[in-house]
C-alpha atoms as a PDB file:
ATOM      1  CA  MET A   1     167.845  28.579 -53.213  1.00  0.00           C
ATOM      2  CA  LEU A   2     169.621  25.426 -52.976  1.00  0.00           C
ATOM      3  CA  ALA A   3     173.500  25.679 -51.627  1.00  0.00           C
ATOM      4  CA  ILE A   4     175.932  23.173 -51.373  1.00  0.00           C
ATOM      5  CA  THR A   5     179.400  23.618 -49.677  1.00  0.00           C
ATOM      6  CA  GLY A   6     182.391  21.690 -51.308  1.00  0.00           C
ATOM      7  CA  ALA A   7     180.735  21.968 -54.757  1.00  0.00           C
ATOM      8  CA  THR A   8     183.720  21.287 -56.463  1.00  0.00           C
ATOM      9  CA  GLY A   9     184.769  17.841 -54.497  1.00  0.00           C
ATOM     10  CA  GLN A  10     184.201  15.221 -55.606  1.00  0.00           C
ATOM     11  CA  LEU A  11     180.829  14.659 -54.196  1.00  0.00           C
ATOM     12  CA  GLY A  12     179.666  18.246 -54.461  1.00  0.00           C
ATOM     13  CA  ARG A  13     180.004  18.003 -58.088  1.00  0.00           C
ATOM     14  CA  LEU A  14     178.131  15.165 -58.923  1.00  0.00           C
ATOM     15  CA  VAL A  15     175.208  16.625 -56.324  1.00  0.00           C
ATOM     16  CA  VAL A  16     175.164  19.580 -58.465  1.00  0.00           C
ATOM     17  CA  ALA A  17     174.964  17.963 -61.736  1.00  0.00           C
ATOM     18  CA  ALA A  18     172.278  15.816 -59.886  1.00  0.00           C
ATOM     19  CA  LEU A  19     170.063  18.922 -58.928  1.00  0.00           C
ATOM     20  CA  LEU A  20     170.586  20.717 -62.860  1.00  0.00           C
ATOM     21  CA  LYS A  21     168.078  17.764 -63.787  1.00  0.00           C
ATOM     22  CA  SER A  22     165.523  19.234 -62.132  1.00  0.00           C
ATOM     23  CA  VAL A  23     166.251  22.742 -60.317  1.00  0.00           C
ATOM     24  CA  PRO A  24     167.135  26.144 -62.481  1.00  0.00           C
ATOM     25  CA  ALA A  25     171.009  26.815 -62.403  1.00  0.00           C
ATOM     26  CA  ALA A  26     170.426  30.227 -61.083  1.00  0.00           C
ATOM     27  CA  GLU A  27     168.728  28.473 -58.134  1.00  0.00           C
ATOM     28  CA  ILE A  28     171.739  26.222 -56.900  1.00  0.00           C
ATOM     29  CA  VAL A  29     174.573  28.135 -54.966  1.00  0.00           C
ATOM     30  CA  ALA A  30     177.840  26.182 -55.238  1.00  0.00           C
ATOM     31  CA  ILE A  31     179.794  27.505 -51.941  1.00  0.00           C
ATOM     32  CA  VAL A  32     183.644  27.349 -52.784  1.00  0.00           C
ATOM     33  CA  ARG A  33     186.714  27.909 -51.376  1.00  0.00           C
ATOM     34  CA  ASP A  34     188.255  28.869 -54.864  1.00  0.00           C
ATOM     35  CA  PRO A  35     185.585  30.316 -56.973  1.00  0.00           C
ATOM     36  CA  ALA A  36     188.103  30.057 -59.863  1.00  0.00           C
ATOM     37  CA  LYS A  37     187.793  26.205 -59.419  1.00  0.00           C
ATOM     38  CA  ALA A  38     183.805  26.427 -60.425  1.00  0.00           C
ATOM     39  CA  ALA A  39     184.061  28.550 -63.378  1.00  0.00           C
ATOM     40  CA  ASP A  40     182.728  25.623 -65.718  1.00  0.00           C
ATOM     41  CA  LEU A  41     179.563  25.665 -63.016  1.00  0.00           C
ATOM     42  CA  ALA A  42     179.718  29.353 -63.331  1.00  0.00           C
ATOM     43  CA  ALA A  43     179.093  28.790 -67.296  1.00  0.00           C
ATOM     44  CA  LYS A  44     176.186  26.792 -67.116  1.00  0.00           C
ATOM     45  CA  GLY A  45     174.334  29.412 -64.738  1.00  0.00           C
ATOM     46  CA  VAL A  46     174.919  27.945 -61.179  1.00  0.00           C
ATOM     47  CA  VAL A  47     175.705  30.831 -58.487  1.00  0.00           C
ATOM     48  CA  VAL A  48     179.386  30.546 -57.183  1.00  0.00           C
ATOM     49  CA  ARG A  49     179.842  31.764 -53.884  1.00  0.00           C
ATOM     50  CA  GLN A  50     183.180  32.244 -52.169  1.00  0.00           C
ATOM     51  CA  GLY A  51     182.858  30.553 -48.524  1.00  0.00           C
ATOM     52  CA  ASP A  52     185.584  28.972 -46.558  1.00  0.00           C
ATOM     53  CA  TYR A  53     184.935  26.781 -43.661  1.00  0.00           C
ATOM     54  CA  GLU A  54     187.125  28.605 -41.455  1.00  0.00           C
ATOM     55  CA  ALA A  55     185.895  32.102 -42.531  1.00  0.00           C
ATOM     56  CA  PRO A  56     182.678  32.937 -40.766  1.00  0.00           C
ATOM     57  CA  ALA A  57     182.019  36.119 -42.297  1.00  0.00           C
ATOM     58  CA  SER A  58     182.740  34.473 -45.946  1.00  0.00           C
ATOM     59  CA  LEU A  59     180.089  31.762 -45.116  1.00  0.00           C
ATOM     60  CA  GLU A  60     177.012  34.148 -43.790  1.00  0.00           C
ATOM     61  CA  ALA A  61     177.818  36.275 -46.738  1.00  0.00           C
ATOM     62  CA  ALA A  62     177.645  32.745 -49.220  1.00  0.00           C
ATOM     63  CA  LEU A  63     174.549  31.940 -47.465  1.00  0.00           C
ATOM     64  CA  ALA A  64     172.541  34.829 -47.771  1.00  0.00           C
ATOM     65  CA  GLY A  65     169.031  33.856 -49.116  1.00  0.00           C
ATOM     66  CA  VAL A  66     169.974  30.651 -49.196  1.00  0.00           C
ATOM     67  CA  ASP A  67     166.604  28.114 -48.418  1.00  0.00           C
ATOM     68  CA  LYS A  68     168.127  24.518 -47.956  1.00  0.00           C
ATOM     69  CA  LEU A  69     172.039  23.874 -47.454  1.00  0.00           C
ATOM     70  CA  LEU A  70     174.082  20.696 -47.989  1.00  0.00           C
ATOM     71  CA  LEU A  71     176.612  20.487 -45.674  1.00  0.00           C
ATOM     72  CA  ILE A  72     179.202  17.967 -47.351  1.00  0.00           C
ATOM     73  CA  SER A  73     181.352  17.035 -44.444  1.00  0.00           C
ATOM     74  CA  SER A  74     184.967  18.873 -44.467  1.00  0.00           C
ATOM     75  CA  SER A  75     187.855  16.622 -45.818  1.00  0.00           C
ATOM     76  CA  GLU A  76     190.266  17.899 -43.055  1.00  0.00           C
ATOM     77  CA  ILE A  77     189.911  15.102 -40.561  1.00  0.00           C
ATOM     78  CA  GLY A  78     190.782  16.519 -36.922  1.00  0.00           C
ATOM     79  CA  LYS A  79     189.187  19.671 -37.653  1.00  0.00           C
ATOM     80  CA  ARG A  80     185.494  19.271 -38.973  1.00  0.00           C
ATOM     81  CA  ALA A  81     183.970  19.614 -35.996  1.00  0.00           C
ATOM     82  CA  THR A  82     185.101  23.290 -35.514  1.00  0.00           C
ATOM     83  CA  GLN A  83     184.922  23.626 -39.093  1.00  0.00           C
ATOM     84  CA  HIS A  84     180.772  22.387 -39.077  1.00  0.00           C
ATOM     85  CA  ALA A  85     180.499  24.566 -36.230  1.00  0.00           C
ATOM     86  CA  ASN A  86     181.411  27.489 -38.173  1.00  0.00           C
ATOM     87  CA  VAL A  87     179.312  26.356 -41.261  1.00  0.00           C
ATOM     88  CA  ILE A  88     176.185  25.617 -38.433  1.00  0.00           C
ATOM     89  CA  ALA A  89     176.185  29.209 -36.916  1.00  0.00           C
ATOM     90  CA  ALA A  90     176.324  30.932 -40.451  1.00  0.00           C
ATOM     91  CA  ALA A  91     173.685  29.049 -41.603  1.00  0.00           C
ATOM     92  CA  LYS A  92     171.675  29.905 -38.380  1.00  0.00           C
ATOM     93  CA  ARG A  93     172.457  33.591 -38.667  1.00  0.00           C
ATOM     94  CA  ALA A  94     171.522  33.452 -42.610  1.00  0.00           C
ATOM     95  CA  GLY A  95     168.114  31.948 -41.274  1.00  0.00           C
ATOM     96  CA  VAL A  96     168.606  29.005 -43.751  1.00  0.00           C
ATOM     97  CA  LYS A  97     165.511  26.723 -43.655  1.00  0.00           C
ATOM     98  CA  LEU A  98     166.729  23.512 -43.325  1.00  0.00           C
ATOM     99  CA  VAL A  99     170.183  21.751 -43.127  1.00  0.00           C
ATOM    100  CA  ALA A 100     171.149  18.264 -44.348  1.00  0.00           C
ATOM    101  CA  TYR A 101     174.430  17.119 -43.312  1.00  0.00           C
ATOM    102  CA  THR A 102     176.530  13.855 -44.718  1.00  0.00           C
ATOM    103  CA  SER A 103     177.707  12.059 -41.900  1.00  0.00           C
ATOM    104  CA  ILE A 104     178.335   8.367 -41.371  1.00  0.00           C
ATOM    105  CA  LEU A 105     176.578   5.013 -41.378  1.00  0.00           C
ATOM    106  CA  HIS A 106     174.691   4.337 -37.968  1.00  0.00           C
ATOM    107  CA  ALA A 107     176.789   7.363 -36.588  1.00  0.00           C
ATOM    108  CA  ALA A 108     175.577   7.415 -32.900  1.00  0.00           C
ATOM    109  CA  THR A 109     176.830   3.168 -32.780  1.00  0.00           C
ATOM    110  CA  SER A 110     179.548   3.365 -34.984  1.00  0.00           C
ATOM    111  CA  PRO A 111     182.439   1.577 -33.894  1.00  0.00           C
ATOM    112  CA  LEU A 112     184.878   3.713 -36.396  1.00  0.00           C
ATOM    113  CA  ASP A 113     186.660   6.079 -34.775  1.00  0.00           C
ATOM    114  CA  LEU A 114     185.600   8.532 -38.095  1.00  0.00           C
ATOM    115  CA  ALA A 115     182.890   8.399 -36.871  1.00  0.00           C
ATOM    116  CA  ALA A 116     183.508  11.237 -33.503  1.00  0.00           C
ATOM    117  CA  GLU A 117     183.433  14.346 -35.419  1.00  0.00           C
ATOM    118  CA  HIS A 118     180.148  13.440 -37.562  1.00  0.00           C
ATOM    119  CA  LYS A 119     178.398  12.668 -34.109  1.00  0.00           C
ATOM    120  CA  ALA A 120     179.720  15.752 -32.975  1.00  0.00           C
ATOM    121  CA  THR A 121     178.215  17.908 -35.878  1.00  0.00           C
ATOM    122  CA  GLU A 122     174.788  16.232 -35.485  1.00  0.00           C
ATOM    123  CA  GLU A 123     175.077  17.097 -31.493  1.00  0.00           C
ATOM    124  CA  LEU A 124     176.103  20.573 -32.334  1.00  0.00           C
ATOM    125  CA  LEU A 125     173.157  20.755 -35.536  1.00  0.00           C
ATOM    126  CA  ALA A 126     170.722  19.515 -32.880  1.00  0.00           C
ATOM    127  CA  LYS A 127     171.580  22.342 -29.974  1.00  0.00           C
ATOM    128  CA  ALA A 128     171.854  24.759 -32.693  1.00  0.00           C
ATOM    129  CA  GLY A 129     168.393  24.331 -33.383  1.00  0.00           C
ATOM    130  CA  VAL A 130     168.513  24.464 -36.658  1.00  0.00           C
ATOM    131  CA  PRO A 131     166.079  22.311 -38.840  1.00  0.00           C
ATOM    132  CA  HIS A 132     168.173  19.504 -40.276  1.00  0.00           C
ATOM    133  CA  VAL A 133     168.136  16.134 -41.857  1.00  0.00           C
ATOM    134  CA  LEU A 134     171.019  13.368 -41.262  1.00  0.00           C
ATOM    135  CA  LEU A 135     172.503  11.789 -44.520  1.00  0.00           C
ATOM    136  CA  ARG A 136     174.267   9.284 -42.883  1.00  0.00           C
ATOM    137  CA  ASN A 137     176.110   7.530 -46.016  1.00  0.00           C
ATOM    138  CA  GLY A 138     177.892   4.582 -45.677  1.00  0.00           C
ATOM    139  CA  TRP A 139     181.089   3.651 -47.613  1.00  0.00           C
ATOM    140  CA  TYR A 140     182.169   4.571 -51.419  1.00  0.00           C
ATOM    141  CA  ILE A 141     183.074   1.826 -53.630  1.00  0.00           C
ATOM    142  CA  GLU A 142     185.291   4.298 -54.736  1.00  0.00           C
ATOM    143  CA  ASN A 143     187.648   4.167 -51.814  1.00  0.00           C
ATOM    144  CA  TYR A 144     188.879   0.735 -52.446  1.00  0.00           C
ATOM    145  CA  LEU A 145     189.737   2.165 -56.584  1.00  0.00           C
ATOM    146  CA  GLY A 146     193.071   3.088 -55.303  1.00  0.00           C
ATOM    147  CA  SER A 147     193.790  -0.531 -54.146  1.00  0.00           C
ATOM    148  CA  VAL A 148     193.152  -2.156 -57.130  1.00  0.00           C
ATOM    149  CA  PRO A 149     196.140  -1.495 -58.962  1.00  0.00           C
ATOM    150  CA  ALA A 150     198.389  -2.641 -56.053  1.00  0.00           C
ATOM    151  CA  ALA A 151     196.193  -6.111 -55.976  1.00  0.00           C
ATOM    152  CA  LEU A 152     196.314  -6.456 -59.733  1.00  0.00           C
ATOM    153  CA  GLU A 153     200.099  -6.474 -59.730  1.00  0.00           C
ATOM    154  CA  HIS A 154     201.067  -7.728 -56.567  1.00  0.00           C
ATOM    155  CA  GLY A 155     198.141 -10.493 -56.652  1.00  0.00           C
ATOM    156  CA  ALA A 156     196.106  -9.579 -53.190  1.00  0.00           C
ATOM    157  CA  PHE A 157     194.268  -6.998 -51.357  1.00  0.00           C
ATOM    158  CA  ILE A 158     194.979  -6.591 -47.823  1.00  0.00           C
ATOM    159  CA  GLY A 159     193.423  -5.179 -44.605  1.00  0.00           C
ATOM    160  CA  ALA A 160     191.753  -5.778 -41.394  1.00  0.00           C
ATOM    161  CA  ALA A 161     188.011  -5.933 -42.339  1.00  0.00           C
ATOM    162  CA  ALA A 162     187.968  -9.912 -41.656  1.00  0.00           C
ATOM    163  CA  ASP A 163     184.545 -11.447 -42.572  1.00  0.00           C
ATOM    164  CA  GLY A 164     183.272  -7.771 -42.445  1.00  0.00           C
ATOM    165  CA  ARG A 165     180.297  -7.199 -44.675  1.00  0.00           C
ATOM    166  CA  ILE A 166     180.478  -3.689 -46.152  1.00  0.00           C
ATOM    167  CA  ALA A 167     177.174  -2.566 -47.823  1.00  0.00           C
ATOM    168  CA  ALA A 168     178.987   0.044 -50.178  1.00  0.00           C
ATOM    169  CA  ALA A 169     177.402   2.244 -52.661  1.00  0.00           C
ATOM    170  CA  SER A 170     178.890   4.558 -55.542  1.00  0.00           C
ATOM    171  CA  ARG A 171     179.338   8.526 -54.489  1.00  0.00           C
ATOM    172  CA  GLN A 172     176.759   8.824 -57.672  1.00  0.00           C
ATOM    173  CA  ASP A 173     174.351   7.225 -55.738  1.00  0.00           C
ATOM    174  CA  TYR A 174     174.872   9.089 -52.362  1.00  0.00           C
ATOM    175  CA  ALA A 175     175.145  12.633 -54.986  1.00  0.00           C
ATOM    176  CA  GLU A 176     171.577  11.554 -55.961  1.00  0.00           C
ATOM    177  CA  ALA A 177     170.206  11.166 -52.595  1.00  0.00           C
ATOM    178  CA  ALA A 178     171.593  14.192 -51.672  1.00  0.00           C
ATOM    179  CA  ALA A 179     169.651  15.946 -54.803  1.00  0.00           C
ATOM    180  CA  ALA A 180     166.284  14.042 -53.653  1.00  0.00           C
ATOM    181  CA  VAL A 181     166.353  15.047 -50.426  1.00  0.00           C
ATOM    182  CA  LEU A 182     166.801  18.689 -51.227  1.00  0.00           C
ATOM    183  CA  THR A 183     164.255  18.829 -53.570  1.00  0.00           C
ATOM    184  CA  ALA A 184     161.688  16.836 -51.550  1.00  0.00           C
ATOM    185  CA  LYS A 185     157.742  18.233 -51.502  1.00  0.00           C
ATOM    186  CA  ASP A 186     157.805  17.071 -47.758  1.00  0.00           C
ATOM    187  CA  ASP A 187     159.417  18.359 -44.577  1.00  0.00           C
ATOM    188  CA  GLN A 188     162.906  16.789 -44.304  1.00  0.00           C
ATOM    189  CA  ALA A 189     163.472  18.165 -40.977  1.00  0.00           C
ATOM    190  CA  GLY A 190     164.126  15.636 -38.368  1.00  0.00           C
ATOM    191  CA  LYS A 191     164.433  12.495 -40.810  1.00  0.00           C
ATOM    192  CA  VAL A 192     167.492  10.637 -40.633  1.00  0.00           C
ATOM    193  CA  TYR A 193     168.658   8.451 -43.631  1.00  0.00           C
ATOM    194  CA  GLU A 194     171.081   5.513 -43.111  1.00  0.00           C
ATOM    195  CA  LEU A 195     172.420   5.139 -46.390  1.00  0.00           C
ATOM    196  CA  ALA A 196     174.058   1.753 -48.067  1.00  0.00           C
ATOM    197  CA  GLY A 197     174.309  -0.080 -51.007  1.00  0.00           C
ATOM    198  CA  ASP A 198     171.685  -2.917 -51.634  1.00  0.00           C
ATOM    199  CA  THR A 199     174.128  -5.456 -51.802  1.00  0.00           C
ATOM    200  CA  ALA A 200     176.853  -5.762 -49.573  1.00  0.00           C
ATOM    201  CA  PHE A 201     180.431  -7.727 -49.618  1.00  0.00           C
ATOM    202  CA  THR A 202     183.357  -9.108 -47.646  1.00  0.00           C
ATOM    203  CA  MET A 203     187.017  -7.891 -48.789  1.00  0.00           C
ATOM    204  CA  ALA A 204     187.357 -11.387 -49.585  1.00  0.00           C
ATOM    205  CA  GLU A 205     184.119 -10.691 -52.081  1.00  0.00           C
ATOM    206  CA  LEU A 206     185.482  -8.113 -53.322  1.00  0.00           C
ATOM    207  CA  ALA A 207     189.229  -9.840 -54.267  1.00  0.00           C
ATOM    208  CA  ALA A 208     186.941 -12.822 -56.056  1.00  0.00           C
ATOM    209  CA  ALA A 209     185.541  -9.874 -58.093  1.00  0.00           C
ATOM    210  CA  THR A 210     188.374  -8.108 -59.080  1.00  0.00           C
ATOM    211  CA  ALA A 211     189.956 -11.332 -60.175  1.00  0.00           C
ATOM    212  CA  LYS A 212     186.964 -12.378 -62.266  1.00  0.00           C
ATOM    213  CA  LEU A 213     187.338  -8.766 -63.894  1.00  0.00           C
ATOM    214  CA  SER A 214     190.861  -8.949 -64.513  1.00  0.00           C
ATOM    215  CA  GLY A 215     191.445 -12.826 -65.369  1.00  0.00           C
ATOM    216  CA  LYS A 216     194.120 -12.371 -62.492  1.00  0.00           C
ATOM    217  CA  ALA A 217     194.710 -14.519 -59.267  1.00  0.00           C
ATOM    218  CA  ILE A 218     193.634 -11.934 -56.677  1.00  0.00           C
ATOM    219  CA  VAL A 219     193.177 -12.957 -53.239  1.00  0.00           C
ATOM    220  CA  TYR A 220     192.777 -11.068 -49.783  1.00  0.00           C
ATOM    221  CA  ASN A 221     195.030 -11.420 -46.647  1.00  0.00           C
ATOM    222  CA  GLU A 222     193.883 -10.378 -43.475  1.00  0.00           C
ATOM    223  CA  LEU A 223     196.313  -9.337 -41.402  1.00  0.00           C
ATOM    224  CA  GLY A 224     194.456  -7.419 -38.199  1.00  0.00           C
ATOM    225  CA  GLU A 225     194.763  -3.510 -37.265  1.00  0.00           C
ATOM    226  CA  ALA A 226     198.282  -3.300 -35.580  1.00  0.00           C
ATOM    227  CA  ALA A 227     199.726  -5.059 -38.664  1.00  0.00           C
ATOM    228  CA  TYR A 228     197.877  -3.479 -41.309  1.00  0.00           C
ATOM    229  CA  LYS A 229     198.371   0.123 -40.017  1.00  0.00           C
ATOM    230  CA  GLN A 230     202.413  -1.075 -39.779  1.00  0.00           C
ATOM    231  CA  ALA A 231     201.960  -1.809 -43.544  1.00  0.00           C
ATOM    232  CA  LEU A 232     200.386   1.341 -44.610  1.00  0.00           C
ATOM    233  CA  LEU A 233     203.278   3.031 -42.666  1.00  0.00           C
ATOM    234  CA  GLY A 234     205.694   1.116 -44.908  1.00  0.00           C
ATOM    235  CA  PHE A 235     203.944   2.404 -48.046  1.00  0.00           C
ATOM    236  CA  GLY A 236     204.837   5.871 -46.457  1.00  0.00           C
ATOM    237  CA  LEU A 237     201.407   6.479 -45.663  1.00  0.00           C
ATOM    238  CA  PRO A 238     201.622   9.571 -42.787  1.00  0.00           C
ATOM    239  CA  GLU A 239     200.746   8.097 -39.648  1.00  0.00           C
ATOM    240  CA  PRO A 240     196.946   9.655 -39.017  1.00  0.00           C
ATOM    241  CA  TYR A 241     195.879   8.247 -42.358  1.00  0.00           C
ATOM    242  CA  ALA A 242     197.194   5.096 -41.615  1.00  0.00           C
ATOM    243  CA  GLU A 243     195.683   4.929 -38.141  1.00  0.00           C
ATOM    244  CA  LEU A 244     192.462   5.544 -39.765  1.00  0.00           C
ATOM    245  CA  TYR A 245     192.243   3.409 -42.367  1.00  0.00           C
ATOM    246  CA  ALA A 246     193.475   0.662 -40.048  1.00  0.00           C
ATOM    247  CA  ASN A 247     190.839   1.990 -37.575  1.00  0.00           C
ATOM    248  CA  SER A 248     188.153   1.634 -40.441  1.00  0.00           C
ATOM    249  CA  ASP A 249     189.068  -1.966 -41.645  1.00  0.00           C
ATOM    250  CA  ALA A 250     188.501  -2.911 -38.006  1.00  0.00           C
ATOM    251  CA  GLY A 251     185.431  -1.045 -37.534  1.00  0.00           C
ATOM    252  CA  ALA A 252     184.261  -3.140 -40.378  1.00  0.00           C
ATOM    253  CA  ALA A 253     185.217  -5.915 -39.042  1.00  0.00           C
ATOM    254  CA  LYS A 254     182.796  -5.121 -36.423  1.00  0.00           C
ATOM    255  CA  GLY A 255     179.335  -4.390 -38.528  1.00  0.00           C
ATOM    256  CA  GLY A 256     180.362  -0.645 -38.489  1.00  0.00           C
ATOM    257  CA  LEU A 257     179.924  -0.587 -42.122  1.00  0.00           C
ATOM    258  CA  PHE A 258     176.905  -2.619 -42.760  1.00  0.00           C
ATOM    259  CA  ASP A 259     173.645  -2.034 -43.064  1.00  0.00           C
ATOM    260  CA  ASN A 260     170.613  -3.908 -45.033  1.00  0.00           C
ATOM    261  CA  SER A 261     167.312  -1.355 -44.843  1.00  0.00           C
ATOM    262  CA  ARG A 262     167.986  -0.327 -48.651  1.00  0.00           C
ATOM    263  CA  THR A 263     167.293   2.850 -47.818  1.00  0.00           C
ATOM    264  CA  LEU A 264     169.631   4.535 -50.370  1.00  0.00           C
ATOM    265  CA  SER A 265     167.893   2.786 -53.502  1.00  0.00           C
ATOM    266  CA  ARG A 266     163.948   3.804 -52.036  1.00  0.00           C
ATOM    267  CA  LEU A 267     165.327   7.475 -51.809  1.00  0.00           C
ATOM    268  CA  ILE A 268     167.174   7.107 -55.531  1.00  0.00           C
ATOM    269  CA  GLY A 269     164.626   5.222 -57.107  1.00  0.00           C
ATOM    270  CA  ARG A 270     166.700   2.529 -58.313  1.00  0.00           C
ATOM    271  CA  PRO A 271     168.812  -0.022 -57.453  1.00  0.00           C
ATOM    272  CA  THR A 272     172.294   1.194 -56.029  1.00  0.00           C
ATOM    273  CA  THR A 273     175.491   0.578 -58.014  1.00  0.00           C
ATOM    274  CA  PRO A 274     177.168  -2.904 -57.943  1.00  0.00           C
ATOM    275  CA  VAL A 275     180.564  -2.775 -57.124  1.00  0.00           C
ATOM    276  CA  ALA A 276     181.925  -4.438 -60.198  1.00  0.00           C
ATOM    277  CA  ASP A 277     180.524  -1.542 -62.171  1.00  0.00           C
ATOM    278  CA  VAL A 278     182.749   0.726 -60.466  1.00  0.00           C
ATOM    279  CA  LEU A 279     185.746  -1.910 -60.352  1.00  0.00           C
ATOM    280  CA  VAL A 280     185.564  -1.991 -63.739  1.00  0.00           C
ATOM    281  CA  SER A 281     186.007   1.192 -64.604  1.00  0.00           C
ATOM    282  CA  VAL A 282     189.583   0.622 -63.403  1.00  0.00           C
ATOM    283  CA  ILE A 283     190.567  -2.521 -64.456  1.00  0.00           C
ATOM    284  CA  LYS A 284     189.579  -2.325 -68.467  1.00  0.00           C
ATOM    285  CA  ARG A 285     191.348   1.014 -68.691  1.00  0.00           C
END
């Protein structure tokens, strides 16, 4: 039995879909906070179980009989380490043989503040003595899609990434990698995968790609971390998120989102998705 937490999330659904290509639906467990949102998965024969990161009892019941678990990191920044600890403890009690965790690229050395809770989770896994594999996911190309409409309207992307190269890949790429690890014949315990896109880009290059696809003049305006945070606050973003996005951009400027190992493409058996292929989904609507 293969289980996925957060199975109705953006990444979780893609992982389930990838698994369904080679694994019988009855051997896939979708662990979700609200089973009603997984009715479509249940209709396909996937086993749907209720499990809440903040309700340890529900997690232990959800993991009964599970051999391998994909722990997709929580989206609740600031609560992640505690929530993940609950899942790890439940997995240990349930006798799960392997936990695959979606961490962050180069978690041990990342300059991004976002890495702190991922590092803490990796340490929790090690201390718990649970066999585990780390899927250190890089940036999603989709992270930039929300900025495309404004860039098209105003003729510019803004940020604090300077000339930092961003080796982003699509959410689909990372989902297929997770599925590949869960279904691998060889033992995955102890492995660490640094996962990133084959081709890195700077924000200026992202702006150029957007301009080419849209036929509009679009540039990248570098603001620096403090000014970018203020701009985000001005757009109505809550303080914690403005801080997070500005810090992540600054981390990209320091190389925190770059990797050229091509581990991801080797794992999924194909080149990673080009940034233009994802951008066009928004620009050509």
